[in-house]
Amino acid sequence: METPESADGFAMKRLKKMGFELEGERSVEFYFYFPEEYQAHYAAAELNNLQFSTDINPTDDDDNWLCLATKSINFSTQRLMELRKWMQDLAKRYDGKYDGWGTGIKPNKE
């Protein structure tokens, strides 16, 4: 069974194999979903204390609240695995779900 941590590693290897630059400082978005707005705000407060920018909005289905957290980090597989554990714990504290990360990518120049 593939763990979330190995999923991060797999995604990084796959993108590198496809010729995309990944390592280094870059802006990364982290996605959280909470059943109630106040829960999203509690999580956002913790994230803001760690210098993340946050934006909270209802989802299209109005069943959850999205807390989108953005921060420029030194992007690496190891850093993503460290952050994943902390992000999952944060979401769990407020009865939410951590749904992964996203970042812009660009092909290597050859």
PDB file of N, CA and C in Angstrom:
ATOM      1  N   MET A   1       0.834  -1.187   0.000  1.00  0.00           N
ATOM      2  CA  MET A   1       0.000   0.000   0.000  1.00  0.00           C
ATOM      3  C   MET A   1       0.876   1.246   0.000  1.00  0.00           C
ATOM      4  N   GLU A   2       0.524   2.203  -0.817  1.00  0.00           N
ATOM      5  CA  GLU A   2       1.306   3.425  -0.922  1.00  0.00           C
ATOM      6  C   GLU A   2       0.883   4.410   0.160  1.00  0.00           C
ATOM      7  N   THR A   3       1.864   4.928   0.906  1.00  0.00           N
ATOM      8  CA  THR A   3       1.573   5.904   1.947  1.00  0.00           C
ATOM      9  C   THR A   3       1.545   7.295   1.320  1.00  0.00           C
ATOM     10  N   PRO A   4       0.901   8.264   2.004  1.00  0.00           N
ATOM     11  CA  PRO A   4       0.922   9.632   1.481  1.00  0.00           C
ATOM     12  C   PRO A   4       2.338  10.161   1.291  1.00  0.00           C
ATOM     13  N   GLU A   5       3.243   9.769   2.213  1.00  0.00           N
ATOM     14  CA  GLU A   5       4.621  10.230   2.092  1.00  0.00           C
ATOM     15  C   GLU A   5       5.268   9.702   0.823  1.00  0.00           C
ATOM     16  N   SER A   6       5.020   8.417   0.518  1.00  0.00           N
ATOM     17  CA  SER A   6       5.605   7.875  -0.700  1.00  0.00           C
ATOM     18  C   SER A   6       4.925   8.466  -1.934  1.00  0.00           C
ATOM     19  N   ALA A   7       3.673   8.896  -1.790  1.00  0.00           N
ATOM     20  CA  ALA A   7       2.982   9.559  -2.897  1.00  0.00           C
ATOM     21  C   ALA A   7       3.678  10.872  -3.240  1.00  0.00           C
ATOM     22  N   ASP A   8       4.119  11.612  -2.219  1.00  0.00           N
ATOM     23  CA  ASP A   8       4.866  12.850  -2.477  1.00  0.00           C
ATOM     24  C   ASP A   8       6.162  12.537  -3.217  1.00  0.00           C
ATOM     25  N   GLY A   9       6.878  11.519  -2.750  1.00  0.00           N
ATOM     26  CA  GLY A   9       8.123  11.117  -3.403  1.00  0.00           C
ATOM     27  C   GLY A   9       7.884  10.659  -4.828  1.00  0.00           C
ATOM     28  N   PHE A  10       6.834   9.875  -5.028  1.00  0.00           N
ATOM     29  CA  PHE A  10       6.496   9.386  -6.370  1.00  0.00           C
ATOM     30  C   PHE A  10       6.183  10.561  -7.298  1.00  0.00           C
ATOM     31  N   ALA A  11       5.400  11.525  -6.810  1.00  0.00           N
ATOM     32  CA  ALA A  11       5.053  12.688  -7.637  1.00  0.00           C
ATOM     33  C   ALA A  11       6.302  13.465  -8.028  1.00  0.00           C
ATOM     34  N   MET A  12       7.210  13.657  -7.072  1.00  0.00           N
ATOM     35  CA  MET A  12       8.439  14.389  -7.362  1.00  0.00           C
ATOM     36  C   MET A  12       9.285  13.649  -8.400  1.00  0.00           C
ATOM     37  N   LYS A  13       9.455  12.339  -8.239  1.00  0.00           N
ATOM     38  CA  LYS A  13      10.257  11.555  -9.188  1.00  0.00           C
ATOM     39  C   LYS A  13       9.634  11.595 -10.579  1.00  0.00           C
ATOM     40  N   ARG A  14       8.324  11.459 -10.626  1.00  0.00           N
ATOM     41  CA  ARG A  14       7.618  11.444 -11.913  1.00  0.00           C
ATOM     42  C   ARG A  14       7.778  12.779 -12.642  1.00  0.00           C
ATOM     43  N   LEU A  15       7.609  13.878 -11.912  1.00  0.00           N
ATOM     44  CA  LEU A  15       7.743  15.201 -12.526  1.00  0.00           C
ATOM     45  C   LEU A  15       9.183  15.447 -12.994  1.00  0.00           C
ATOM     46  N   LYS A  16      10.156  15.028 -12.197  1.00  0.00           N
ATOM     47  CA  LYS A  16      11.567  15.175 -12.601  1.00  0.00           C
ATOM     48  C   LYS A  16      11.840  14.376 -13.870  1.00  0.00           C
ATOM     49  N   LYS A  17      11.307  13.149 -13.907  1.00  0.00           N
ATOM     50  CA  LYS A  17      11.502  12.292 -15.070  1.00  0.00           C
ATOM     51  C   LYS A  17      10.902  12.925 -16.330  1.00  0.00           C
ATOM     52  N   MET A  18       9.845  13.685 -16.162  1.00  0.00           N
ATOM     53  CA  MET A  18       9.193  14.357 -17.288  1.00  0.00           C
ATOM     54  C   MET A  18       9.930  15.636 -17.677  1.00  0.00           C
ATOM     55  N   GLY A  19      10.984  15.991 -16.917  1.00  0.00           N
ATOM     56  CA  GLY A  19      11.813  17.125 -17.290  1.00  0.00           C
ATOM     57  C   GLY A  19      11.440  18.440 -16.635  1.00  0.00           C
ATOM     58  N   PHE A  20      10.800  18.404 -15.480  1.00  0.00           N
ATOM     59  CA  PHE A  20      10.414  19.637 -14.803  1.00  0.00           C
ATOM     60  C   PHE A  20      11.371  19.960 -13.667  1.00  0.00           C
ATOM     61  N   GLU A  21      11.684  21.254 -13.521  1.00  0.00           N
ATOM     62  CA  GLU A  21      12.492  21.739 -12.408  1.00  0.00           C
ATOM     63  C   GLU A  21      11.617  21.800 -11.170  1.00  0.00           C
ATOM     64  N   LEU A  22      12.099  21.262 -10.059  1.00  0.00           N
ATOM     65  CA  LEU A  22      11.293  21.262  -8.848  1.00  0.00           C
ATOM     66  C   LEU A  22      12.032  21.791  -7.629  1.00  0.00           C
ATOM     67  N   GLU A  23      13.281  21.431  -7.485  1.00  0.00           N
ATOM     68  CA  GLU A  23      14.025  21.787  -6.288  1.00  0.00           C
ATOM     69  C   GLU A  23      14.221  23.298  -6.193  1.00  0.00           C
ATOM     70  N   GLY A  24      14.322  23.774  -4.960  1.00  0.00           N
ATOM     71  CA  GLY A  24      14.608  25.181  -4.720  1.00  0.00           C
ATOM     72  C   GLY A  24      13.414  25.937  -4.179  1.00  0.00           C
ATOM     73  N   GLU A  25      13.598  27.202  -3.974  1.00  0.00           N
ATOM     74  CA  GLU A  25      12.572  28.078  -3.392  1.00  0.00           C
ATOM     75  C   GLU A  25      11.436  28.286  -4.385  1.00  0.00           C
ATOM     76  N   ARG A  26      10.211  28.033  -3.910  1.00  0.00           N
ATOM     77  CA  ARG A  26       9.034  28.244  -4.761  1.00  0.00           C
ATOM     78  C   ARG A  26       7.792  28.378  -3.909  1.00  0.00           C
ATOM     79  N   SER A  27       6.773  28.992  -4.473  1.00  0.00           N
ATOM     80  CA  SER A  27       5.489  29.147  -3.800  1.00  0.00           C
ATOM     81  C   SER A  27       4.703  27.836  -3.925  1.00  0.00           C
ATOM     82  N   VAL A  28       4.184  27.365  -2.784  1.00  0.00           N
ATOM     83  CA  VAL A  28       3.438  26.115  -2.747  1.00  0.00           C
ATOM     84  C   VAL A  28       2.092  26.373  -2.081  1.00  0.00           C
ATOM     85  N   GLU A  29       1.042  25.798  -2.651  1.00  0.00           N
ATOM     86  CA  GLU A  29      -0.302  25.897  -2.080  1.00  0.00           C
ATOM     87  C   GLU A  29      -0.633  24.589  -1.376  1.00  0.00           C
ATOM     88  N   PHE A  30      -1.257  24.692  -0.210  1.00  0.00           N
ATOM     89  CA  PHE A  30      -1.670  23.541   0.580  1.00  0.00           C
ATOM     90  C   PHE A  30      -3.176  23.634   0.779  1.00  0.00           C
ATOM     91  N   TYR A  31      -3.872  22.512   0.569  1.00  0.00           N
ATOM     92  CA  TYR A  31      -5.338  22.498   0.559  1.00  0.00           C
ATOM     93  C   TYR A  31      -5.898  21.774   1.783  1.00  0.00           C
ATOM     94  N   PHE A  32      -6.786  22.455   2.497  1.00  0.00           N
ATOM     95  CA  PHE A  32      -7.477  21.898   3.653  1.00  0.00           C
ATOM     96  C   PHE A  32      -8.976  22.067   3.460  1.00  0.00           C
ATOM     97  N   TYR A  33      -9.751  21.092   3.938  1.00  0.00           N
ATOM     98  CA  TYR A  33     -11.211  21.186   3.889  1.00  0.00           C
ATOM     99  C   TYR A  33     -11.776  20.928   5.276  1.00  0.00           C
ATOM    100  N   PHE A  34     -12.718  21.789   5.680  1.00  0.00           N
ATOM    101  CA  PHE A  34     -13.334  21.700   7.001  1.00  0.00           C
ATOM    102  C   PHE A  34     -14.852  21.765   6.873  1.00  0.00           C
ATOM    103  N   PRO A  35     -15.575  21.024   7.754  1.00  0.00           N
ATOM    104  CA  PRO A  35     -17.031  21.032   7.664  1.00  0.00           C
ATOM    105  C   PRO A  35     -17.666  22.360   8.074  1.00  0.00           C
ATOM    106  N   GLU A  36     -16.996  23.129   8.921  1.00  0.00           N
ATOM    107  CA  GLU A  36     -17.547  24.404   9.401  1.00  0.00           C
ATOM    108  C   GLU A  36     -16.548  25.536   9.182  1.00  0.00           C
ATOM    109  N   GLU A  37     -17.075  26.721   8.929  1.00  0.00           N
ATOM    110  CA  GLU A  37     -16.219  27.877   8.663  1.00  0.00           C
ATOM    111  C   GLU A  37     -15.291  28.183   9.837  1.00  0.00           C
ATOM    112  N   TYR A  38     -15.801  28.116  11.059  1.00  0.00           N
ATOM    113  CA  TYR A  38     -14.967  28.464  12.207  1.00  0.00           C
ATOM    114  C   TYR A  38     -13.753  27.532  12.316  1.00  0.00           C
ATOM    115  N   GLN A  39     -13.916  26.260  11.921  1.00  0.00           N
ATOM    116  CA  GLN A  39     -12.794  25.326  11.968  1.00  0.00           C
ATOM    117  C   GLN A  39     -11.704  25.748  10.982  1.00  0.00           C
ATOM    118  N   ALA A  40     -12.121  26.195   9.816  1.00  0.00           N
ATOM    119  CA  ALA A  40     -11.162  26.678   8.810  1.00  0.00           C
ATOM    120  C   ALA A  40     -10.411  27.902   9.342  1.00  0.00           C
ATOM    121  N   HIS A  41     -11.122  28.775  10.062  1.00  0.00           N
ATOM    122  CA  HIS A  41     -10.471  29.971  10.617  1.00  0.00           C
ATOM    123  C   HIS A  41      -9.482  29.617  11.730  1.00  0.00           C
ATOM    124  N   TYR A  42      -9.800  28.630  12.547  1.00  0.00           N
ATOM    125  CA  TYR A  42      -8.857  28.196  13.584  1.00  0.00           C
ATOM    126  C   TYR A  42      -7.572  27.653  12.942  1.00  0.00           C
ATOM    127  N   ALA A  43      -7.723  26.830  11.922  1.00  0.00           N
ATOM    128  CA  ALA A  43      -6.549  26.292  11.226  1.00  0.00           C
ATOM    129  C   ALA A  43      -5.764  27.419  10.561  1.00  0.00           C
ATOM    130  N   ALA A  44      -6.478  28.358   9.943  1.00  0.00           N
ATOM    131  CA  ALA A  44      -5.814  29.484   9.280  1.00  0.00           C
ATOM    132  C   ALA A  44      -5.010  30.311  10.276  1.00  0.00           C
ATOM    133  N   ALA A  45      -5.520  30.482  11.488  1.00  0.00           N
ATOM    134  CA  ALA A  45      -4.792  31.249  12.503  1.00  0.00           C
ATOM    135  C   ALA A  45      -3.449  30.586  12.814  1.00  0.00           C
ATOM    136  N   GLU A  46      -3.443  29.263  12.931  1.00  0.00           N
ATOM    137  CA  GLU A  46      -2.177  28.557  13.176  1.00  0.00           C
ATOM    138  C   GLU A  46      -1.231  28.712  11.992  1.00  0.00           C
ATOM    139  N   LEU A  47      -1.771  28.602  10.801  1.00  0.00           N
ATOM    140  CA  LEU A  47      -0.952  28.749   9.597  1.00  0.00           C
ATOM    141  C   LEU A  47      -0.411  30.168   9.467  1.00  0.00           C
ATOM    142  N   ASN A  48      -1.236  31.156   9.756  1.00  0.00           N
ATOM    143  CA  ASN A  48      -0.795  32.551   9.671  1.00  0.00           C
ATOM    144  C   ASN A  48       0.339  32.821  10.655  1.00  0.00           C
ATOM    145  N   ASN A  49       0.292  32.192  11.831  1.00  0.00           N
ATOM    146  CA  ASN A  49       1.369  32.358  12.815  1.00  0.00           C
ATOM    147  C   ASN A  49       2.698  31.818  12.307  1.00  0.00           C
ATOM    148  N   LEU A  50       2.642  30.928  11.317  1.00  0.00           N
ATOM    149  CA  LEU A  50       3.853  30.359  10.713  1.00  0.00           C
ATOM    150  C   LEU A  50       4.171  31.006   9.360  1.00  0.00           C
ATOM    151  N   GLN A  51       3.625  32.177   9.133  1.00  0.00           N
ATOM    152  CA  GLN A  51       3.909  32.987   7.945  1.00  0.00           C
ATOM    153  C   GLN A  51       3.311  32.441   6.657  1.00  0.00           C
ATOM    154  N   PHE A  52       2.265  31.616   6.759  1.00  0.00           N
ATOM    155  CA  PHE A  52       1.516  31.208   5.576  1.00  0.00           C
ATOM    156  C   PHE A  52       0.496  32.294   5.282  1.00  0.00           C
ATOM    157  N   SER A  53       0.192  32.502   4.025  1.00  0.00           N
ATOM    158  CA  SER A  53      -0.951  33.316   3.619  1.00  0.00           C
ATOM    159  C   SER A  53      -2.124  32.359   3.502  1.00  0.00           C
ATOM    160  N   THR A  54      -3.289  32.781   3.957  1.00  0.00           N
ATOM    161  CA  THR A  54      -4.447  31.894   3.900  1.00  0.00           C
ATOM    162  C   THR A  54      -5.643  32.599   3.281  1.00  0.00           C
ATOM    163  N   ASP A  55      -6.502  31.795   2.677  1.00  0.00           N
ATOM    164  CA  ASP A  55      -7.742  32.278   2.078  1.00  0.00           C
ATOM    165  C   ASP A  55      -8.803  31.225   2.379  1.00  0.00           C
ATOM    166  N   ILE A  56      -9.942  31.649   2.893  1.00  0.00           N
ATOM    167  CA  ILE A  56     -11.013  30.723   3.269  1.00  0.00           C
ATOM    168  C   ILE A  56     -12.251  31.017   2.437  1.00  0.00           C
ATOM    169  N   ASN A  57     -12.800  29.970   1.820  1.00  0.00           N
ATOM    170  CA  ASN A  57     -13.994  30.105   0.985  1.00  0.00           C
ATOM    171  C   ASN A  57     -14.836  28.836   1.077  1.00  0.00           C
ATOM    172  N   PRO A  58     -16.159  28.979   0.894  1.00  0.00           N
ATOM    173  CA  PRO A  58     -16.976  27.768   0.818  1.00  0.00           C
ATOM    174  C   PRO A  58     -16.651  27.012  -0.467  1.00  0.00           C
ATOM    175  N   THR A  59     -16.788  25.703  -0.436  1.00  0.00           N
ATOM    176  CA  THR A  59     -16.571  24.918  -1.647  1.00  0.00           C
ATOM    177  C   THR A  59     -17.803  25.035  -2.536  1.00  0.00           C
ATOM    178  N   ASP A  60     -17.675  24.612  -3.777  1.00  0.00           N
ATOM    179  CA  ASP A  60     -18.791  24.695  -4.720  1.00  0.00           C
ATOM    180  C   ASP A  60     -20.022  23.944  -4.248  1.00  0.00           C
ATOM    181  N   ASP A  61     -19.812  22.848  -3.530  1.00  0.00           N
ATOM    182  CA  ASP A  61     -20.961  22.062  -3.067  1.00  0.00           C
ATOM    183  C   ASP A  61     -21.501  22.565  -1.726  1.00  0.00           C
ATOM    184  N   ASP A  62     -20.874  23.594  -1.144  1.00  0.00           N
ATOM    185  CA  ASP A  62     -21.267  24.196   0.132  1.00  0.00           C
ATOM    186  C   ASP A  62     -21.266  23.223   1.302  1.00  0.00           C
ATOM    187  N   ASP A  63     -20.673  22.046   1.129  1.00  0.00           N
ATOM    188  CA  ASP A  63     -20.604  21.088   2.229  1.00  0.00           C
ATOM    189  C   ASP A  63     -19.363  21.293   3.094  1.00  0.00           C
ATOM    190  N   ASN A  64     -18.377  21.985   2.568  1.00  0.00           N
ATOM    191  CA  ASN A  64     -17.117  22.198   3.284  1.00  0.00           C
ATOM    192  C   ASN A  64     -16.602  23.610   3.040  1.00  0.00           C
ATOM    193  N   TRP A  65     -15.606  23.943   3.836  1.00  0.00           N
ATOM    194  CA  TRP A  65     -14.896  25.205   3.678  1.00  0.00           C
ATOM    195  C   TRP A  65     -13.459  24.903   3.303  1.00  0.00           C
ATOM    196  N   LEU A  66     -13.001  25.548   2.240  1.00  0.00           N
ATOM    197  CA  LEU A  66     -11.617  25.406   1.798  1.00  0.00           C
ATOM    198  C   LEU A  66     -10.769  26.426   2.529  1.00  0.00           C
ATOM    199  N   CYS A  67      -9.680  25.962   3.117  1.00  0.00           N
ATOM    200  CA  CYS A  67      -8.646  26.848   3.648  1.00  0.00           C
ATOM    201  C   CYS A  67      -7.432  26.607   2.768  1.00  0.00           C
ATOM    202  N   LEU A  68      -7.110  27.573   1.942  1.00  0.00           N
ATOM    203  CA  LEU A  68      -5.963  27.490   1.047  1.00  0.00           C
ATOM    204  C   LEU A  68      -4.810  28.244   1.696  1.00  0.00           C
ATOM    205  N   ALA A  69      -3.724  27.536   1.963  1.00  0.00           N
ATOM    206  CA  ALA A  69      -2.554  28.133   2.602  1.00  0.00           C
ATOM    207  C   ALA A  69      -1.414  28.167   1.591  1.00  0.00           C
ATOM    208  N   THR A  70      -0.752  29.307   1.487  1.00  0.00           N
ATOM    209  CA  THR A  70       0.327  29.479   0.527  1.00  0.00           C
ATOM    210  C   THR A  70       1.574  29.990   1.238  1.00  0.00           C
ATOM    211  N   LYS A  71       2.714  29.432   0.836  1.00  0.00           N
ATOM    212  CA  LYS A  71       3.980  29.886   1.401  1.00  0.00           C
ATOM    213  C   LYS A  71       5.103  29.533   0.443  1.00  0.00           C
ATOM    214  N   SER A  72       6.108  30.375   0.395  1.00  0.00           N
ATOM    215  CA  SER A  72       7.311  30.094  -0.374  1.00  0.00           C
ATOM    216  C   SER A  72       8.210  29.234   0.510  1.00  0.00           C
ATOM    217  N   ILE A  73       8.548  28.040  -0.003  1.00  0.00           N
ATOM    218  CA  ILE A  73       9.377  27.106   0.771  1.00  0.00           C
ATOM    219  C   ILE A  73      10.515  26.591  -0.092  1.00  0.00           C
ATOM    220  N   ASN A  74      11.510  26.004   0.567  1.00  0.00           N
ATOM    221  CA  ASN A  74      12.570  25.300  -0.141  1.00  0.00           C
ATOM    222  C   ASN A  74      11.985  23.945  -0.514  1.00  0.00           C
ATOM    223  N   PHE A  75      11.609  23.780  -1.751  1.00  0.00           N
ATOM    224  CA  PHE A  75      10.835  22.651  -2.240  1.00  0.00           C
ATOM    225  C   PHE A  75      11.717  21.426  -2.431  1.00  0.00           C
ATOM    226  N   SER A  76      11.406  20.359  -1.708  1.00  0.00           N
ATOM    227  CA  SER A  76      12.115  19.084  -1.854  1.00  0.00           C
ATOM    228  C   SER A  76      11.199  17.972  -1.351  1.00  0.00           C
ATOM    229  N   THR A  77      11.500  16.754  -1.731  1.00  0.00           N
ATOM    230  CA  THR A  77      10.706  15.615  -1.270  1.00  0.00           C
ATOM    231  C   THR A  77      10.736  15.536   0.244  1.00  0.00           C
ATOM    232  N   GLN A  78      11.896  15.685   0.834  1.00  0.00           N
ATOM    233  CA  GLN A  78      12.030  15.611   2.294  1.00  0.00           C
ATOM    234  C   GLN A  78      11.183  16.678   2.979  1.00  0.00           C
ATOM    235  N   ARG A  79      11.233  17.892   2.485  1.00  0.00           N
ATOM    236  CA  ARG A  79      10.457  18.991   3.085  1.00  0.00           C
ATOM    237  C   ARG A  79       8.961  18.713   2.964  1.00  0.00           C
ATOM    238  N   LEU A  80       8.515  18.202   1.820  1.00  0.00           N
ATOM    239  CA  LEU A  80       7.094  17.892   1.639  1.00  0.00           C
ATOM    240  C   LEU A  80       6.635  16.802   2.597  1.00  0.00           C
ATOM    241  N   MET A  81       7.472  15.802   2.814  1.00  0.00           N
ATOM    242  CA  MET A  81       7.101  14.726   3.733  1.00  0.00           C
ATOM    243  C   MET A  81       7.020  15.237   5.167  1.00  0.00           C
ATOM    244  N   GLU A  82       7.938  16.130   5.551  1.00  0.00           N
ATOM    245  CA  GLU A  82       7.890  16.722   6.886  1.00  0.00           C
ATOM    246  C   GLU A  82       6.623  17.562   7.058  1.00  0.00           C
ATOM    247  N   LEU A  83       6.311  18.358   6.056  1.00  0.00           N
ATOM    248  CA  LEU A  83       5.127  19.209   6.122  1.00  0.00           C
ATOM    249  C   LEU A  83       3.833  18.402   6.117  1.00  0.00           C
ATOM    250  N   ARG A  84       3.797  17.319   5.352  1.00  0.00           N
ATOM    251  CA  ARG A  84       2.571  16.517   5.261  1.00  0.00           C
ATOM    252  C   ARG A  84       2.102  16.063   6.637  1.00  0.00           C
ATOM    253  N   LYS A  85       3.006  15.530   7.434  1.00  0.00           N
ATOM    254  CA  LYS A  85       2.634  15.051   8.768  1.00  0.00           C
ATOM    255  C   LYS A  85       2.046  16.186   9.597  1.00  0.00           C
ATOM    256  N   TRP A  86       2.705  17.324   9.592  1.00  0.00           N
ATOM    257  CA  TRP A  86       2.219  18.464  10.368  1.00  0.00           C
ATOM    258  C   TRP A  86       0.866  18.950   9.841  1.00  0.00           C
ATOM    259  N   MET A  87       0.722  19.015   8.526  1.00  0.00           N
ATOM    260  CA  MET A  87      -0.532  19.465   7.912  1.00  0.00           C
ATOM    261  C   MET A  87      -1.680  18.506   8.251  1.00  0.00           C
ATOM    262  N   GLN A  88      -1.416  17.212   8.204  1.00  0.00           N
ATOM    263  CA  GLN A  88      -2.452  16.235   8.537  1.00  0.00           C
ATOM    264  C   GLN A  88      -2.880  16.375   9.996  1.00  0.00           C
ATOM    265  N   ASP A  89      -1.916  16.581  10.878  1.00  0.00           N
ATOM    266  CA  ASP A  89      -2.232  16.772  12.297  1.00  0.00           C
ATOM    267  C   ASP A  89      -3.050  18.043  12.515  1.00  0.00           C
ATOM    268  N   LEU A  90      -2.693  19.109  11.829  1.00  0.00           N
ATOM    269  CA  LEU A  90      -3.439  20.366  11.934  1.00  0.00           C
ATOM    270  C   LEU A  90      -4.887  20.160  11.493  1.00  0.00           C
ATOM    271  N   ALA A  91      -5.096  19.552  10.351  1.00  0.00           N
ATOM    272  CA  ALA A  91      -6.448  19.317   9.847  1.00  0.00           C
ATOM    273  C   ALA A  91      -7.250  18.467  10.829  1.00  0.00           C
ATOM    274  N   LYS A  92      -6.620  17.445  11.355  1.00  0.00           N
ATOM    275  CA  LYS A  92      -7.303  16.542  12.293  1.00  0.00           C
ATOM    276  C   LYS A  92      -7.746  17.273  13.562  1.00  0.00           C
ATOM    277  N   ARG A  93      -6.916  18.203  14.064  1.00  0.00           N
ATOM    278  CA  ARG A  93      -7.262  18.965  15.271  1.00  0.00           C
ATOM    279  C   ARG A  93      -8.595  19.685  15.121  1.00  0.00           C
ATOM    280  N   TYR A  94      -8.926  20.088  13.917  1.00  0.00           N
ATOM    281  CA  TYR A  94     -10.151  20.863  13.675  1.00  0.00           C
ATOM    282  C   TYR A  94     -11.161  20.088  12.833  1.00  0.00           C
ATOM    283  N   ASP A  95     -11.100  18.753  12.903  1.00  0.00           N
ATOM    284  CA  ASP A  95     -12.056  17.871  12.217  1.00  0.00           C
ATOM    285  C   ASP A  95     -12.087  18.070  10.709  1.00  0.00           C
ATOM    286  N   GLY A  96     -10.931  18.405  10.152  1.00  0.00           N
ATOM    287  CA  GLY A  96     -10.855  18.631   8.718  1.00  0.00           C
ATOM    288  C   GLY A  96     -10.001  17.592   8.019  1.00  0.00           C
ATOM    289  N   LYS A  97      -9.686  17.894   6.770  1.00  0.00           N
ATOM    290  CA  LYS A  97      -8.888  16.997   5.941  1.00  0.00           C
ATOM    291  C   LYS A  97      -7.831  17.811   5.204  1.00  0.00           C
ATOM    292  N   TYR A  98      -6.606  17.313   5.236  1.00  0.00           N
ATOM    293  CA  TYR A  98      -5.535  17.878   4.416  1.00  0.00           C
ATOM    294  C   TYR A  98      -5.584  17.160   3.084  1.00  0.00           C
ATOM    295  N   ASP A  99      -5.622  17.926   1.983  1.00  0.00           N
ATOM    296  CA  ASP A  99      -5.814  17.319   0.669  1.00  0.00           C
ATOM    297  C   ASP A  99      -4.633  17.518  -0.269  1.00  0.00           C
ATOM    298  N   GLY A 100      -3.450  17.789   0.281  1.00  0.00           N
ATOM    299  CA  GLY A 100      -2.269  17.843  -0.559  1.00  0.00           C
ATOM    300  C   GLY A 100      -1.812  19.246  -0.933  1.00  0.00           C
ATOM    301  N   TRP A 101      -0.893  19.283  -1.873  1.00  0.00           N
ATOM    302  CA  TRP A 101      -0.223  20.524  -2.262  1.00  0.00           C
ATOM    303  C   TRP A 101      -0.236  20.687  -3.777  1.00  0.00           C
ATOM    304  N   GLY A 102       0.111  21.884  -4.188  1.00  0.00           N
ATOM    305  CA  GLY A 102       0.267  22.172  -5.613  1.00  0.00           C
ATOM    306  C   GLY A 102       1.273  23.296  -5.796  1.00  0.00           C
ATOM    307  N   THR A 103       1.943  23.297  -6.932  1.00  0.00           N
ATOM    308  CA  THR A 103       2.914  24.348  -7.235  1.00  0.00           C
ATOM    309  C   THR A 103       3.041  24.468  -8.748  1.00  0.00           C
ATOM    310  N   GLY A 104       3.444  25.624  -9.186  1.00  0.00           N
ATOM    311  CA  GLY A 104       3.717  25.804 -10.610  1.00  0.00           C
ATOM    312  C   GLY A 104       5.007  25.088 -10.981  1.00  0.00           C
ATOM    313  N   ILE A 105       5.057  24.548 -12.170  1.00  0.00           N
ATOM    314  CA  ILE A 105       6.257  23.861 -12.628  1.00  0.00           C
ATOM    315  C   ILE A 105       6.655  24.385 -13.998  1.00  0.00           C
ATOM    316  N   LYS A 106       7.928  24.249 -14.307  1.00  0.00           N
ATOM    317  CA  LYS A 106       8.412  24.659 -15.618  1.00  0.00           C
ATOM    318  C   LYS A 106       9.441  23.644 -16.103  1.00  0.00           C
ATOM    319  N   PRO A 107       9.522  23.428 -17.404  1.00  0.00           N
ATOM    320  CA  PRO A 107      10.489  22.459 -17.921  1.00  0.00           C
ATOM    321  C   PRO A 107      11.914  22.939 -17.713  1.00  0.00           C
ATOM    322  N   ASN A 108      12.824  21.979 -17.555  1.00  0.00           N
ATOM    323  CA  ASN A 108      14.245  22.314 -17.501  1.00  0.00           C
ATOM    324  C   ASN A 108      14.657  22.918 -18.847  1.00  0.00           C
ATOM    325  N   LYS A 109      15.567  23.865 -18.792  1.00  0.00           N
ATOM    326  CA  LYS A 109      16.108  24.441 -20.032  1.00  0.00           C
ATOM    327  C   LYS A 109      17.295  23.581 -20.460  1.00  0.00           C
ATOM    328  N   GLU A 110      17.275  23.155 -21.690  1.00  0.00           N
ATOM    329  CA  GLU A 110      18.373  22.308 -22.169  1.00  0.00           C
ATOM    330  C   GLU A 110      19.091  22.965 -23.292  1.00  0.00           C
TER     331      GLU A 110
END
